[in-house]
Amino acid sequence: MNHRRLGDDTVSTVADTVRKKQLTAQQTEDPYQKVLLRVRQRASEVFVPAELQKPGEEVRRKLGQLIEEELTNYQEVARASSLAPLVGETEELKTRMERDILGLGPLEELLADPTVEDIVINGPQEVNVFKEGKWRHTDIQFASSGEVLTIINRAIAATGRQASMAHPITDARLPDGSRVNVICTPLAEPQPAVTIRLFPKKTLTLEDMVRRGTLTPQAAYFLKLAVECRMSILIAGGTAAGKTTLANALADCIPSEERLVVIEDTRELRIRQEWGEHPNVEFLTVRYPSGEGEPGIYQDQLVKAALRMRPSRIIVGEARGGEVLDLLMAANTGHEGMITTIHANSSVHAISRLYQLMQLAELEVELRPRMMAEWIAQAIQLVVFLELRTGTNRRQVTEITEFTGQLEGDVIIQQPLFQLQDGELVRTPYRLFRNNFLERYGHRYDEVAGMDTHPPHPFSLQDRQHTRATPFQAAAIMR
């Protein structure tokens, strides 16, 4: 075998090439991330994790000094070694670095953006948002998967939950109410998956929903009357259809003298948020079992507890289990005017979902179909179905259906009051069968029917006075 010996010139050329590549790599490396990594390493040596989770004034002061030292050191080394300089004023860099270490880092600007509805982190280098009806890729990046989990765990620390391999699936909420779902490795490969459903910065009213095309003025006025007159309403639809938003808008139509008890799996509703010191509303939230052995408390238990709290109305953020049976029994024993949401593909499917959820209740006897149908028919008066319309990405109420309270065999008799025609929600010829709810409070369905020829101004639902038309006629019943 022949061996070639490199000459001195060749060795020198190779060395120069290596040095140039190293220098190029140093110059293209983000200097901010380099300093941030160094600060994090030193902070982990100086502080215990609990101090960084809830930093006091002394921790913040020491961290500020540490950041200033590392920023100064880097600037001196950069000038001597031709490294890329840090861009920005020292105080701006210091504030940003404190935010990244003690706050939520790159997520903060997304969480502060009122147009962002969802944030999805598929890995440290892939962050997407849902805004203005479309999914969009962002240029936000994290240093590593570990940084993603560190920031998320810092964000949900107040809930007592932590995402880790020991708890690979974690549901929690941020202080502003935004929902967080984390799936860690090894369940999510190769990176942890994080989904954040942002809590709206401003709650929408029925007028807002009319303005956005979710409802027509006529349908919005009818739903407002239905709420004020204590009709129980089931809001159905798919994921992200706007069920919670509509529930919040309807709940804000409940008269101020009534006491509300709101039950949710994760806090989302902001009912009477603007009412100041005396909103007269109580929020109850599910507690899941903790790693320390504390038992979970679920919605069925909260519904039973709420019945002892003398509520004027009970509102359930989403019906998802055996608590449906307790709700229907309560509605059949005087607790009228309830509002709840349910995942369903149509108004008809919402009934099937109610049957399924009722059967999840822990009972010693089997529920007969007719018994369940009777409870549903008597407890619920209206089903409102929403869709996220493909193409336009607009959330729209596509049907408002009445349960007449009657059965034919085991089938609940229902009739559509509003339906979608040519892309618009219009009133059907069918009249409200259970007009007695409105009559108790001095209203009639003819007020709504009268808008067919005299539509109201779209933003005057609260104050408009409606004249009474011809006497109420018996409703036609459609299965």
Protein backbone atom coordinates (compact mmCIF):
# COMPACT_ATOMS: atom_id res chain seq x y z
CA MET A 1 0.00 0.00 0.00
CA ASN A 2 1.30 3.39 -0.95
CA HIS A 3 1.22 6.16 1.64
CA ARG A 4 1.06 9.84 0.75
CA ARG A 5 2.64 12.32 3.01
CA LEU A 6 1.03 15.73 3.12
CA GLY A 7 3.36 18.63 2.71
CA ASP A 8 3.44 21.61 5.02
CA ASP A 9 1.54 23.74 2.52
CA THR A 10 -1.26 21.16 2.32
CA VAL A 11 -1.53 20.91 6.12
CA SER A 12 -1.65 24.69 6.36
CA THR A 13 -4.41 24.87 3.75
CA VAL A 14 -6.50 22.25 5.59
CA ALA A 15 -6.06 24.07 8.90
CA ASP A 16 -7.10 27.38 7.35
CA THR A 17 -10.20 25.76 5.87
CA VAL A 18 -11.20 24.28 9.25
CA ARG A 19 -10.65 27.62 11.00
CA LYS A 20 -12.77 29.42 8.39
CA LYS A 21 -15.61 26.92 8.82
CA GLN A 22 -15.44 27.29 12.59
CA LEU A 23 -15.45 31.07 12.29
CA THR A 24 -18.38 31.00 9.86
CA ALA A 25 -20.34 28.74 12.23
CA GLN A 26 -19.62 31.10 15.13
CA GLN A 27 -20.67 34.12 13.12
CA THR A 28 -23.94 32.58 11.93
CA GLU A 29 -24.91 31.21 15.37
CA ASP A 30 -27.58 33.32 17.08
CA PRO A 31 -25.63 35.22 19.75
CA TYR A 32 -28.72 35.85 21.84
CA GLN A 33 -29.52 32.13 22.12
CA LYS A 34 -25.88 31.45 22.97
CA VAL A 35 -25.93 33.92 25.87
CA LEU A 36 -29.39 32.73 26.96
CA LEU A 37 -28.12 29.15 27.17
CA ARG A 38 -25.17 30.27 29.28
CA VAL A 39 -27.43 32.27 31.62
CA ARG A 40 -29.76 29.29 32.03
CA GLN A 41 -26.84 27.04 32.91
CA ARG A 42 -25.59 29.46 35.55
CA ALA A 43 -29.12 30.09 36.87
CA SER A 44 -29.63 26.35 37.38
CA GLU A 45 -26.49 26.32 39.53
CA VAL A 46 -27.43 29.40 41.58
CA PHE A 47 -31.18 28.91 42.09
CA VAL A 48 -33.39 25.95 42.94
CA PRO A 49 -36.28 25.32 40.48
CA ALA A 50 -38.90 26.58 42.95
CA GLU A 51 -37.21 29.99 43.09
CA LEU A 52 -37.44 30.36 39.33
CA GLN A 53 -41.06 29.18 39.27
CA LYS A 54 -42.13 31.89 41.73
CA PRO A 55 -39.30 34.41 41.83
CA GLY A 56 -39.15 37.02 44.58
CA GLU A 57 -37.46 40.40 44.41
CA GLU A 58 -34.11 39.01 45.56
CA VAL A 59 -34.14 36.26 42.93
CA ARG A 60 -34.98 38.79 40.22
CA ARG A 61 -32.17 41.10 41.39
CA LYS A 62 -29.54 38.33 41.38
CA LEU A 63 -30.74 37.04 38.01
CA GLY A 64 -30.47 40.56 36.59
CA GLN A 65 -26.87 40.82 37.74
CA LEU A 66 -26.07 37.42 36.26
CA ILE A 67 -27.60 38.42 32.90
CA GLU A 68 -25.63 41.68 32.82
CA GLU A 69 -22.39 39.79 33.50
CA GLU A 70 -22.99 37.33 30.65
CA LEU A 71 -24.04 40.06 28.23
CA THR A 72 -20.89 42.07 29.03
CA ASN A 73 -18.65 38.99 28.77
CA TYR A 74 -20.07 38.08 25.38
CA GLN A 75 -19.69 41.58 23.98
CA GLU A 76 -16.01 41.66 25.02
CA VAL A 77 -15.30 38.22 23.55
CA ALA A 78 -17.21 39.08 20.37
CA ARG A 79 -15.09 42.16 19.71
CA ALA A 80 -11.88 40.20 20.23
CA SER A 81 -12.91 37.09 18.25
CA SER A 82 -14.98 38.57 15.41
CA LEU A 83 -18.17 36.93 16.70
CA ALA A 84 -21.60 38.17 15.68
CA PRO A 85 -22.61 41.06 17.95
CA LEU A 86 -25.75 41.13 20.07
CA VAL A 87 -28.40 43.28 18.42
CA GLY A 88 -30.25 45.70 20.69
CA GLU A 89 -29.74 47.87 23.74
CA THR A 90 -28.48 46.20 26.89
CA GLU A 91 -31.65 46.98 28.87
CA GLU A 92 -33.85 45.58 26.09
CA LEU A 93 -31.78 42.40 25.92
CA LYS A 94 -31.88 42.08 29.70
CA THR A 95 -35.68 42.44 29.80
CA ARG A 96 -36.11 39.92 27.00
CA MET A 97 -33.81 37.43 28.71
CA GLU A 98 -35.62 37.79 32.05
CA ARG A 99 -38.87 37.12 30.22
CA ASP A 100 -37.44 34.02 28.57
CA ILE A 101 -36.12 32.65 31.86
CA LEU A 102 -38.89 33.65 34.28
CA GLY A 103 -41.80 34.11 31.89
CA LEU A 104 -43.17 32.22 28.91
CA GLY A 105 -40.46 33.19 26.47
CA PRO A 106 -41.44 33.16 22.79
CA LEU A 107 -45.03 32.25 23.67
CA GLU A 108 -45.74 35.60 25.29
CA GLU A 109 -46.14 37.52 22.04
CA LEU A 110 -48.53 34.85 20.68
CA LEU A 111 -50.58 34.78 23.89
CA ALA A 112 -50.88 38.57 23.74
CA ASP A 113 -52.11 38.55 20.12
CA PRO A 114 -55.92 38.93 20.16
CA THR A 115 -56.24 37.43 16.66
CA VAL A 116 -54.65 34.09 17.63
CA GLU A 117 -57.16 31.37 18.56
CA ASP A 118 -54.92 28.30 18.83
CA ILE A 119 -51.20 27.64 19.22
CA VAL A 120 -49.73 24.27 18.22
CA ILE A 121 -46.14 23.31 19.04
CA ASN A 122 -45.06 20.22 17.11
CA GLY A 123 -41.45 20.55 18.21
CA PRO A 124 -38.99 23.29 19.17
CA GLN A 125 -38.59 24.38 15.55
CA GLU A 126 -42.25 24.15 14.46
CA VAL A 127 -44.83 26.51 15.98
CA ASN A 128 -48.14 27.09 14.17
CA VAL A 129 -51.10 29.32 15.01
CA PHE A 130 -54.74 29.43 13.94
CA LYS A 131 -55.76 33.03 13.23
CA GLU A 132 -58.19 34.75 10.91
CA GLY A 133 -59.64 31.38 9.92
CA LYS A 134 -56.37 29.80 8.75
CA TRP A 135 -53.42 27.83 10.08
CA ARG A 136 -50.18 29.80 9.77
CA HIS A 137 -46.55 28.87 10.39
CA THR A 138 -44.60 31.23 12.66
CA ASP A 139 -40.88 31.99 12.81
CA ILE A 140 -40.84 31.35 16.56
CA GLN A 141 -38.38 28.67 17.68
CA PHE A 142 -37.31 27.14 20.96
CA ALA A 143 -33.78 26.06 21.81
CA SER A 144 -34.84 22.45 22.51
CA SER A 145 -37.70 20.18 23.50
CA GLY A 146 -36.59 20.64 27.09
CA GLU A 147 -37.15 24.39 26.79
CA VAL A 148 -40.67 23.78 25.45
CA LEU A 149 -41.59 21.66 28.48
CA THR A 150 -39.86 24.05 30.89
CA ILE A 151 -41.90 27.01 29.64
CA ILE A 152 -45.17 25.06 29.53
CA ASN A 153 -44.64 23.70 33.05
CA ARG A 154 -43.87 27.20 34.26
CA ALA A 155 -47.11 28.39 32.66
CA ILE A 156 -49.29 25.73 34.32
CA ALA A 157 -47.46 25.60 37.66
CA ALA A 158 -50.35 27.32 39.47
CA THR A 159 -52.66 24.40 38.62
CA GLY A 160 -50.44 21.91 40.44
CA ARG A 161 -49.89 19.86 37.28
CA GLN A 162 -46.64 19.15 35.48
CA ALA A 163 -45.97 17.54 32.12
CA SER A 164 -43.32 14.83 32.26
CA MET A 165 -42.67 11.21 31.30
CA ALA A 166 -44.39 10.22 34.55
CA HIS A 167 -47.47 12.24 33.46
CA PRO A 168 -47.21 12.12 29.66
CA ILE A 169 -50.73 13.48 29.03
CA THR A 170 -51.52 16.73 30.81
CA ASP A 171 -54.57 19.00 30.60
CA ALA A 172 -54.38 22.33 32.37
CA ARG A 173 -55.11 26.01 31.92
CA LEU A 174 -53.14 29.22 31.97
CA PRO A 175 -53.92 32.03 34.41
CA ASP A 176 -56.01 33.79 31.74
CA GLY A 177 -58.13 30.64 31.24
CA SER A 178 -56.51 29.39 28.02
CA ARG A 179 -56.57 25.58 27.78
CA VAL A 180 -53.31 23.66 27.48
CA ASN A 181 -52.88 20.05 26.37
CA VAL A 182 -49.43 18.46 26.47
CA ILE A 183 -48.44 15.00 25.24
CA CYS A 184 -44.85 14.08 26.08
CA THR A 185 -42.51 11.46 24.73
CA PRO A 186 -42.67 8.50 24.40
CA LEU A 187 -46.36 8.98 23.53
CA ALA A 188 -45.51 11.81 21.12
CA GLU A 189 -42.53 11.08 18.91
CA PRO A 190 -40.01 12.48 18.33
CA GLN A 191 -40.95 15.73 20.12
CA PRO A 192 -43.56 16.67 22.73
CA ALA A 193 -46.83 18.01 21.26
CA VAL A 194 -48.45 21.08 22.82
CA THR A 195 -51.85 22.55 21.95
CA ILE A 196 -53.08 25.81 23.48
CA ARG A 197 -56.66 26.98 22.95
CA LEU A 198 -56.50 30.68 23.78
CA PHE A 199 -59.03 32.31 26.02
CA PRO A 200 -60.65 35.24 24.17
CA LYS A 201 -59.48 38.62 25.40
CA LYS A 202 -63.02 39.98 24.98
CA THR A 203 -66.25 38.10 25.38
CA LEU A 204 -68.67 38.41 22.47
CA THR A 205 -72.26 39.53 22.89
CA LEU A 206 -75.18 38.48 20.73
CA GLU A 207 -74.80 41.80 18.90
CA ASP A 208 -71.18 40.93 18.14
CA MET A 209 -72.25 37.55 16.81
CA VAL A 210 -74.86 39.19 14.59
CA ARG A 211 -72.19 41.57 13.29
CA ARG A 212 -69.92 38.62 12.47
CA GLY A 213 -72.64 36.68 10.69
CA THR A 214 -72.96 33.89 13.27
CA LEU A 215 -76.59 34.79 13.90
CA THR A 216 -79.29 36.84 12.21
CA PRO A 217 -80.91 39.65 14.25
CA GLN A 218 -84.17 37.71 14.31
CA ALA A 219 -82.57 34.50 15.62
CA ALA A 220 -80.51 36.46 18.15
CA TYR A 221 -83.61 38.21 19.48
CA PHE A 222 -85.45 34.90 19.78
CA LEU A 223 -82.58 33.32 21.73
CA LYS A 224 -82.42 36.38 23.99
CA LEU A 225 -86.14 36.00 24.73
CA ALA A 226 -85.71 32.26 25.31
CA VAL A 227 -82.97 32.87 27.87
CA GLU A 228 -84.84 35.60 29.71
CA CYS A 229 -87.97 33.41 29.80
CA ARG A 230 -86.03 30.47 31.33
CA MET A 231 -86.07 28.01 28.44
CA SER A 232 -83.31 25.40 28.78
CA ILE A 233 -80.93 25.46 25.83
CA LEU A 234 -78.52 22.81 24.54
CA ILE A 235 -75.80 24.21 22.25
CA ALA A 236 -74.40 21.55 19.91
CA GLY A 237 -71.62 21.52 17.35
CA GLY A 238 -68.20 20.22 16.45
CA THR A 239 -64.77 21.27 17.70
CA ALA A 240 -64.09 25.02 17.39
CA ALA A 241 -67.63 25.69 16.11
CA GLY A 242 -68.18 28.46 18.68
CA LYS A 243 -70.27 26.60 21.27
CA THR A 244 -68.58 28.13 24.32
CA THR A 245 -68.68 31.63 22.80
CA LEU A 246 -72.43 31.36 22.20
CA ALA A 247 -73.02 29.90 25.68
CA ASN A 248 -71.20 32.88 27.18
CA ALA A 249 -73.22 35.36 25.11
CA LEU A 250 -76.52 33.70 26.08
CA ALA A 251 -75.59 33.50 29.76
CA ASP A 252 -74.92 37.24 29.79
CA CYS A 253 -78.59 37.72 28.83
CA ILE A 254 -79.74 36.22 32.14
CA PRO A 255 -81.31 38.92 34.35
CA SER A 256 -78.94 40.41 36.93
CA GLU A 257 -81.05 39.41 39.95
CA GLU A 258 -80.51 35.70 39.27
CA ARG A 259 -77.74 33.68 40.92
CA LEU A 260 -75.67 31.52 38.57
CA VAL A 261 -73.58 28.44 39.28
CA VAL A 262 -71.21 27.61 36.41
CA ILE A 263 -69.65 24.13 36.18
CA GLU A 264 -66.74 23.42 33.83
CA ASP A 265 -64.08 20.83 33.22
CA THR A 266 -61.60 23.63 32.50
CA ARG A 267 -62.49 27.25 33.21
CA GLU A 268 -63.47 28.97 29.95
CA LEU A 269 -66.65 30.95 30.47
CA ARG A 270 -66.39 34.61 31.52
CA ILE A 271 -69.98 35.25 32.47
CA ARG A 272 -70.69 38.68 33.96
CA GLN A 273 -66.99 39.44 33.80
CA GLU A 274 -67.60 43.17 33.48
CA TRP A 275 -70.09 43.46 36.32
CA GLY A 276 -67.70 44.63 39.01
CA GLU A 277 -67.91 43.43 42.61
CA HIS A 278 -71.35 41.79 42.67
CA PRO A 279 -71.87 39.54 39.63
CA ASN A 280 -73.61 36.86 41.79
CA VAL A 281 -72.01 33.98 39.89
CA GLU A 282 -70.08 31.02 41.29
CA PHE A 283 -67.60 29.01 39.21
CA LEU A 284 -66.94 25.34 39.98
CA THR A 285 -64.13 23.51 38.18
CA VAL A 286 -63.21 19.82 37.94
CA ARG A 287 -60.16 18.66 39.88
CA TYR A 288 -58.31 15.65 38.48
CA PRO A 289 -56.42 13.17 40.66
CA SER A 290 -53.00 14.46 41.67
CA GLY A 291 -49.71 12.62 41.75
CA GLU A 292 -49.79 12.90 45.54
CA GLY A 293 -52.87 10.69 45.79
CA GLU A 294 -55.58 13.35 46.06
CA PRO A 295 -58.80 12.00 44.53
CA GLY A 296 -60.48 13.64 41.56
CA ILE A 297 -63.73 15.60 41.77
CA TYR A 298 -65.76 15.44 38.58
CA GLN A 299 -68.68 17.24 36.95
CA ASP A 300 -71.37 14.86 38.22
CA GLN A 301 -70.27 15.60 41.80
CA LEU A 302 -70.17 19.33 41.09
CA VAL A 303 -73.70 19.27 39.64
CA LYS A 304 -75.00 17.61 42.80
CA ALA A 305 -73.14 20.14 44.92
CA ALA A 306 -74.53 23.02 42.84
CA LEU A 307 -78.11 21.95 43.59
CA ARG A 308 -77.43 22.73 47.27
CA MET A 309 -76.11 26.21 46.50
CA ARG A 310 -79.52 27.72 45.77
CA PRO A 311 -78.82 28.59 42.14
CA SER A 312 -81.31 30.44 39.99
CA ARG A 313 -79.64 28.75 37.01
CA ILE A 314 -77.04 26.06 36.43
CA ILE A 315 -74.70 26.40 33.46
CA VAL A 316 -72.46 23.52 32.41
CA GLY A 317 -69.60 24.40 30.07
CA GLU A 318 -69.74 21.05 28.28
CA ALA A 319 -71.82 17.94 28.95
CA ARG A 320 -69.39 15.07 28.67
CA GLY A 321 -70.37 12.34 31.14
CA GLY A 322 -72.86 10.98 33.65
CA GLU A 323 -73.59 14.48 34.98
CA VAL A 324 -76.11 14.77 32.13
CA LEU A 325 -78.50 12.56 34.09
CA ASP A 326 -78.24 14.81 37.17
CA LEU A 327 -78.81 17.88 35.00
CA LEU A 328 -81.92 16.44 33.36
CA MET A 329 -83.34 15.32 36.71
CA ALA A 330 -82.72 18.80 38.12
CA ALA A 331 -84.40 20.43 35.10
CA ASN A 332 -87.42 18.18 35.63
CA THR A 333 -87.72 19.25 39.28
CA GLY A 334 -87.82 23.02 38.94
CA HIS A 335 -84.33 24.08 37.78
CA GLU A 336 -85.34 25.71 34.52
CA GLY A 337 -83.26 27.86 32.20
CA MET A 338 -80.11 25.77 32.09
CA ILE A 339 -77.50 26.27 29.37
CA THR A 340 -74.97 23.64 28.35
CA THR A 341 -72.95 22.58 25.30
CA ILE A 342 -72.34 19.19 23.74
CA HIS A 343 -70.18 17.83 20.92
CA ALA A 344 -72.42 16.59 18.11
CA ASN A 345 -72.67 16.49 14.32
CA SER A 346 -76.30 17.66 14.14
CA SER A 347 -79.32 18.42 16.30
CA VAL A 348 -80.51 14.82 15.87
CA HIS A 349 -77.08 13.49 16.81
CA ALA A 350 -77.17 15.67 19.95
CA ILE A 351 -80.09 13.57 21.20
CA SER A 352 -78.13 10.36 20.63
CA ARG A 353 -75.20 11.86 22.52
CA LEU A 354 -77.47 12.68 25.45
CA TYR A 355 -78.67 9.06 25.54
CA GLN A 356 -75.08 7.82 25.53
CA LEU A 357 -73.97 10.19 28.28
CA MET A 358 -76.95 9.36 30.49
CA GLN A 359 -75.93 5.71 30.35
CA LEU A 360 -72.52 6.64 31.79
CA ALA A 361 -74.15 7.53 35.10
CA GLU A 362 -73.40 5.02 37.84
CA LEU A 363 -76.82 3.54 38.52
CA GLU A 364 -77.90 0.16 39.84
CA VAL A 365 -80.79 -0.05 37.37
CA GLU A 366 -80.83 0.12 33.59
CA LEU A 367 -82.48 3.19 32.09
CA ARG A 368 -85.27 2.41 29.66
CA PRO A 369 -85.26 4.31 26.34
CA ARG A 370 -88.71 5.82 26.91
CA MET A 371 -87.75 7.05 30.37
CA MET A 372 -84.64 8.76 29.00
CA ALA A 373 -86.64 10.25 26.14
CA GLU A 374 -89.22 11.67 28.57
CA TRP A 375 -86.54 13.31 30.71
CA ILE A 376 -84.81 14.85 27.70
CA ALA A 377 -88.06 16.05 26.09
CA GLN A 378 -89.28 17.74 29.26
CA ALA A 379 -85.94 19.17 30.42
CA ILE A 380 -84.68 20.77 27.18
CA GLN A 381 -86.68 23.17 25.08
CA LEU A 382 -84.19 24.30 22.41
CA VAL A 383 -81.17 22.87 20.60
CA VAL A 384 -78.91 25.36 18.81
CA PHE A 385 -76.50 23.84 16.30
CA LEU A 386 -73.35 25.62 15.11
CA GLU A 387 -70.86 24.85 12.37
CA LEU A 388 -67.45 26.12 11.36
CA ARG A 389 -68.28 26.65 7.69
CA THR A 390 -65.66 25.31 5.31
CA GLY A 391 -64.48 27.74 2.69
CA THR A 392 -65.49 30.88 4.58
CA ASN A 393 -64.14 29.65 7.96
CA ARG A 394 -67.08 31.47 9.53
CA ARG A 395 -68.79 30.17 12.64
CA GLN A 396 -72.50 30.07 11.97
CA VAL A 397 -75.67 28.89 13.66
CA THR A 398 -77.25 26.60 11.09
CA GLU A 399 -80.30 25.36 13.00
CA ILE A 400 -82.44 26.16 16.03
CA THR A 401 -84.71 23.25 16.91
CA GLU A 402 -87.48 22.99 19.50
CA PHE A 403 -88.24 19.90 21.58
CA THR A 404 -92.01 20.08 21.92
CA GLY A 405 -92.04 18.01 25.13
CA GLN A 406 -94.03 15.26 23.44
CA LEU A 407 -93.11 11.72 22.43
CA GLU A 408 -94.26 9.34 19.74
CA GLY A 409 -93.29 5.98 21.14
CA ASP A 410 -89.69 6.46 22.24
CA VAL A 411 -89.08 9.28 19.73
CA ILE A 412 -88.81 12.89 20.89
CA ILE A 413 -90.99 15.16 18.77
CA GLN A 414 -89.02 18.14 17.51
CA GLN A 415 -89.48 20.91 14.98
CA PRO A 416 -87.06 23.34 13.32
CA LEU A 417 -87.68 27.00 14.12
CA PHE A 418 -84.70 28.34 12.16
CA GLN A 419 -82.81 26.57 9.38
CA LEU A 420 -80.07 27.36 6.90
CA GLN A 421 -81.31 28.17 3.39
CA ASP A 422 -78.96 29.33 0.63
CA GLY A 423 -76.30 30.04 3.24
CA GLU A 424 -78.57 32.19 5.45
CA LEU A 425 -80.35 31.32 8.70
CA VAL A 426 -84.09 31.89 8.17
CA ARG A 427 -87.19 31.30 10.25
CA THR A 428 -89.30 28.28 9.23
CA PRO A 429 -93.13 28.26 9.02
CA TYR A 430 -93.32 26.29 12.26
CA ARG A 431 -94.46 28.18 15.34
CA LEU A 432 -93.09 27.79 18.85
CA PHE A 433 -95.05 24.98 20.50
CA ARG A 434 -94.01 25.81 24.06
CA ASN A 435 -95.08 29.43 23.91
CA ASN A 436 -96.13 29.21 27.56
CA PHE A 437 -92.51 29.92 28.55
CA LEU A 438 -92.67 33.27 26.77
CA GLU A 439 -96.22 34.08 27.90
CA ARG A 440 -95.26 33.82 31.59
CA TYR A 441 -93.02 36.86 31.05
CA GLY A 442 -95.37 38.83 28.82
CA HIS A 443 -93.97 37.77 25.43
CA ARG A 444 -95.25 35.77 22.49
CA TYR A 445 -93.54 34.09 19.56
CA ASP A 446 -95.43 36.49 17.29
CA GLU A 447 -92.86 39.12 18.29
CA VAL A 448 -90.22 37.03 16.53
CA ALA A 449 -92.47 36.15 13.59
CA GLY A 450 -93.26 39.84 13.11
CA MET A 451 -89.64 40.47 12.18
CA ASP A 452 -90.10 38.55 8.92
CA THR A 453 -91.42 41.71 7.27
CA HIS A 454 -89.96 44.31 9.66
CA PRO A 455 -86.36 43.28 10.39
CA PRO A 456 -84.70 45.09 13.30
CA HIS A 457 -81.53 47.11 13.13
CA PRO A 458 -78.79 44.48 13.66
CA PHE A 459 -77.27 46.19 16.70
CA SER A 460 -80.40 47.12 18.67
CA LEU A 461 -81.42 43.78 20.15
CA GLN A 462 -81.29 44.99 23.75
CA ASP A 463 -83.62 47.97 23.44
CA ARG A 464 -85.99 47.23 20.55
CA GLN A 465 -89.71 47.16 21.43
CA HIS A 466 -91.78 44.77 19.35
CA THR A 467 -95.50 45.10 18.69
CA ARG A 468 -97.70 42.10 19.25
CA ALA A 469 -99.18 40.62 16.07
CA THR A 470 -102.08 38.21 15.54
CA PRO A 471 -102.94 35.76 18.33
CA PHE A 472 -100.75 32.73 18.69
CA GLN A 473 -101.72 29.77 16.53
CA ALA A 474 -101.14 26.14 17.49
CA ALA A 475 -97.76 24.94 16.30
CA ALA A 476 -97.34 22.38 13.59
CA ILE A 477 -95.35 19.41 14.83
CA MET A 478 -92.72 17.78 12.71
CA ARG A 479 -90.77 14.73 13.72
